[in-house]
N, C-alpha and C. Protein backbone atom coordinates (compact mmCIF):
# COMPACT_ATOMS: atom_id res chain seq x y z
N UNK A 1 149.27 162.11 129.02
CA UNK A 1 150.69 162.09 128.72
C UNK A 1 150.90 161.54 127.31
N UNK A 2 151.69 162.21 126.52
CA UNK A 2 151.96 161.80 125.15
C UNK A 2 153.06 160.75 125.13
N UNK A 3 152.81 159.67 124.41
CA UNK A 3 153.83 158.63 124.28
C UNK A 3 154.67 158.90 123.04
N UNK A 4 155.85 158.30 122.99
CA UNK A 4 156.73 158.44 121.84
C UNK A 4 156.05 157.90 120.59
N UNK A 5 155.32 156.79 120.72
CA UNK A 5 154.62 156.21 119.58
C UNK A 5 153.60 157.17 119.00
N UNK A 6 152.86 157.88 119.87
CA UNK A 6 151.88 158.86 119.38
C UNK A 6 152.57 159.99 118.63
N UNK A 7 153.71 160.43 119.11
CA UNK A 7 154.42 161.52 118.46
C UNK A 7 154.98 161.09 117.11
N UNK A 8 155.37 159.82 116.99
CA UNK A 8 155.95 159.32 115.74
C UNK A 8 154.89 158.88 114.75
N UNK A 9 153.67 158.63 115.21
CA UNK A 9 152.62 158.11 114.35
C UNK A 9 151.31 158.87 114.59
N UNK A 10 151.29 160.17 114.26
CA UNK A 10 150.08 160.94 114.52
C UNK A 10 148.90 160.44 113.68
N UNK A 11 147.73 160.53 114.25
CA UNK A 11 146.50 160.09 113.60
C UNK A 11 145.62 161.30 113.30
N UNK A 12 144.78 161.14 112.29
CA UNK A 12 143.80 162.17 111.96
C UNK A 12 142.43 161.54 112.11
N UNK A 13 141.64 162.08 113.01
CA UNK A 13 140.25 161.65 113.14
C UNK A 13 139.45 162.58 112.23
N UNK A 14 138.77 162.00 111.24
CA UNK A 14 138.06 162.78 110.23
C UNK A 14 136.57 162.48 110.28
N UNK A 15 135.77 163.51 110.30
CA UNK A 15 134.32 163.36 110.14
C UNK A 15 133.98 163.96 108.79
N UNK A 16 133.56 163.08 107.88
CA UNK A 16 133.30 163.51 106.50
C UNK A 16 132.25 162.62 105.87
N UNK A 17 131.30 163.23 105.20
CA UNK A 17 130.26 162.52 104.45
C UNK A 17 129.51 161.51 105.32
N UNK A 18 129.22 161.92 106.55
CA UNK A 18 128.46 161.06 107.45
C UNK A 18 129.26 159.92 108.07
N UNK A 19 130.55 159.92 107.87
CA UNK A 19 131.41 158.87 108.43
C UNK A 19 132.42 159.48 109.38
N UNK A 20 132.93 158.64 110.25
CA UNK A 20 133.98 159.03 111.18
C UNK A 20 135.13 158.03 111.00
N UNK A 21 136.28 158.53 110.57
CA UNK A 21 137.41 157.67 110.25
C UNK A 21 138.66 158.11 110.97
N UNK A 22 139.57 157.18 111.16
CA UNK A 22 140.89 157.50 111.71
C UNK A 22 141.92 157.11 110.66
N UNK A 23 142.74 158.07 110.26
CA UNK A 23 143.75 157.86 109.24
C UNK A 23 145.13 158.15 109.79
N UNK A 24 146.14 157.53 109.21
CA UNK A 24 147.52 157.78 109.59
C UNK A 24 147.99 159.05 108.90
N UNK A 25 148.40 160.04 109.66
CA UNK A 25 148.82 161.32 109.10
C UNK A 25 150.03 161.15 108.19
N UNK A 26 150.95 160.31 108.57
CA UNK A 26 152.16 160.10 107.77
C UNK A 26 151.85 159.54 106.39
N UNK A 27 150.84 158.68 106.30
CA UNK A 27 150.46 158.11 105.01
C UNK A 27 149.92 159.18 104.07
N UNK A 28 149.41 160.26 104.64
CA UNK A 28 148.90 161.37 103.83
C UNK A 28 149.95 162.48 103.69
N UNK A 29 151.15 162.23 104.20
CA UNK A 29 152.25 163.18 104.16
C UNK A 29 151.89 164.47 104.90
N UNK A 30 151.26 164.30 106.07
CA UNK A 30 150.86 165.42 106.92
C UNK A 30 151.62 165.31 108.24
N UNK A 31 152.07 166.42 108.74
CA UNK A 31 152.76 166.43 110.01
C UNK A 31 152.36 167.64 110.84
N UNK A 32 153.00 167.78 111.97
CA UNK A 32 152.65 168.85 112.90
C UNK A 32 152.89 170.25 112.32
N UNK A 33 153.74 170.36 111.33
CA UNK A 33 154.01 171.66 110.72
C UNK A 33 153.12 171.96 109.52
N UNK A 34 152.26 171.01 109.15
CA UNK A 34 151.35 171.22 108.02
C UNK A 34 150.30 172.27 108.37
N UNK A 35 150.00 173.12 107.40
CA UNK A 35 148.97 174.14 107.61
C UNK A 35 147.59 173.49 107.49
N UNK A 36 146.57 174.19 107.96
CA UNK A 36 145.20 173.69 107.83
C UNK A 36 144.88 173.44 106.36
N UNK A 37 145.31 174.34 105.52
CA UNK A 37 145.05 174.20 104.07
C UNK A 37 145.70 172.93 103.51
N UNK A 38 146.94 172.64 103.93
CA UNK A 38 147.64 171.44 103.46
C UNK A 38 146.93 170.18 103.95
N UNK A 39 146.45 170.22 105.18
CA UNK A 39 145.73 169.06 105.74
C UNK A 39 144.43 168.82 104.98
N UNK A 40 143.67 169.87 104.75
CA UNK A 40 142.40 169.73 104.03
C UNK A 40 142.65 169.28 102.59
N UNK A 41 143.70 169.78 101.96
CA UNK A 41 144.04 169.40 100.59
C UNK A 41 144.40 167.91 100.52
N UNK A 42 145.18 167.44 101.48
CA UNK A 42 145.56 166.02 101.52
C UNK A 42 144.34 165.13 101.73
N UNK A 43 143.42 165.58 102.57
CA UNK A 43 142.21 164.80 102.80
C UNK A 43 141.32 164.79 101.55
N UNK A 44 141.23 165.90 100.86
CA UNK A 44 140.44 165.95 99.62
C UNK A 44 141.01 164.97 98.59
N UNK A 45 142.33 164.92 98.47
CA UNK A 45 142.96 163.96 97.55
C UNK A 45 142.66 162.53 97.99
N UNK A 46 142.76 162.28 99.29
CA UNK A 46 142.52 160.93 99.82
C UNK A 46 141.10 160.45 99.50
N UNK A 47 140.12 161.35 99.66
CA UNK A 47 138.72 160.99 99.42
C UNK A 47 138.30 161.16 97.96
N UNK A 48 139.19 161.73 97.13
CA UNK A 48 138.88 161.90 95.72
C UNK A 48 137.80 162.93 95.47
N UNK A 49 137.83 164.01 96.26
CA UNK A 49 136.85 165.08 96.11
C UNK A 49 137.58 166.41 95.95
N UNK A 50 136.85 167.43 95.57
CA UNK A 50 137.43 168.77 95.45
C UNK A 50 137.71 169.36 96.83
N UNK A 51 138.65 170.28 96.89
CA UNK A 51 139.02 170.90 98.15
C UNK A 51 137.86 171.66 98.78
N UNK A 52 136.92 172.10 97.97
CA UNK A 52 135.77 172.84 98.48
C UNK A 52 134.94 172.00 99.46
N UNK A 53 135.02 170.69 99.35
CA UNK A 53 134.26 169.81 100.25
C UNK A 53 134.74 169.94 101.70
N UNK A 54 135.95 170.44 101.90
CA UNK A 54 136.49 170.61 103.25
C UNK A 54 136.57 172.08 103.67
N UNK A 55 136.00 172.97 102.87
CA UNK A 55 136.09 174.40 103.15
C UNK A 55 135.48 174.77 104.50
N UNK A 56 134.40 174.12 104.88
CA UNK A 56 133.74 174.47 106.15
C UNK A 56 134.19 173.59 107.31
N UNK A 57 135.23 172.79 107.10
CA UNK A 57 135.75 171.93 108.18
C UNK A 57 136.78 172.68 109.02
N UNK A 58 136.87 172.28 110.26
CA UNK A 58 137.81 172.86 111.22
C UNK A 58 138.90 171.83 111.52
N UNK A 59 140.14 172.29 111.61
CA UNK A 59 141.26 171.43 111.98
C UNK A 59 141.61 171.72 113.43
N UNK A 60 141.50 170.69 114.27
CA UNK A 60 141.89 170.81 115.68
C UNK A 60 143.20 170.06 115.88
N UNK A 61 144.13 170.70 116.54
CA UNK A 61 145.44 170.09 116.82
C UNK A 61 145.50 169.75 118.31
N UNK A 62 145.86 168.51 118.60
CA UNK A 62 145.88 168.05 119.98
C UNK A 62 147.32 167.98 120.50
N UNK A 63 147.46 168.10 121.81
CA UNK A 63 148.78 168.09 122.44
C UNK A 63 149.58 166.83 122.14
N UNK A 64 148.90 165.72 121.89
CA UNK A 64 149.60 164.46 121.63
C UNK A 64 150.02 164.30 120.18
N UNK A 65 149.81 165.33 119.35
CA UNK A 65 150.23 165.29 117.96
C UNK A 65 149.15 164.85 116.99
N UNK A 66 148.02 164.41 117.51
CA UNK A 66 146.92 163.99 116.65
C UNK A 66 146.12 165.19 116.18
N UNK A 67 145.29 164.96 115.15
CA UNK A 67 144.43 165.99 114.59
C UNK A 67 143.00 165.50 114.58
N UNK A 68 142.06 166.41 114.65
CA UNK A 68 140.65 166.13 114.36
C UNK A 68 140.23 167.11 113.29
N UNK A 69 139.62 166.60 112.24
CA UNK A 69 139.08 167.43 111.17
C UNK A 69 137.59 167.15 111.13
N UNK A 70 136.80 168.19 111.36
CA UNK A 70 135.35 168.02 111.49
C UNK A 70 134.63 169.22 110.91
N UNK A 71 133.34 169.03 110.59
CA UNK A 71 132.57 170.18 110.14
C UNK A 71 132.49 171.24 111.24
N UNK A 72 132.44 172.48 110.82
CA UNK A 72 132.32 173.57 111.79
C UNK A 72 130.99 173.43 112.54
N UNK A 73 131.03 173.58 113.84
CA UNK A 73 129.82 173.48 114.65
C UNK A 73 129.01 174.76 114.54
N UNK A 74 127.71 174.59 114.44
CA UNK A 74 126.81 175.73 114.37
C UNK A 74 125.89 175.67 115.58
N UNK A 75 125.89 176.71 116.36
CA UNK A 75 125.07 176.76 117.58
C UNK A 75 124.02 177.84 117.42
N UNK A 76 122.84 177.59 118.02
CA UNK A 76 121.81 178.62 118.07
C UNK A 76 120.81 178.45 117.07
């Protein structure tokens, strides 16, 4: 069940450069209407890297308003 606090304060779980971090989406000016490209661009600015560093990452949107941004999984 999604709480009002979760809806008002969405988090982004990011896996990048061997680290796993949780960031406040609002602090990055990201919201539920942000495109994948906008999310990746905001993360690139946050980490001080080029947008290409997030080109192979996947943005997952969760029912509670949170996001997960992770490298694309490769199977096989």
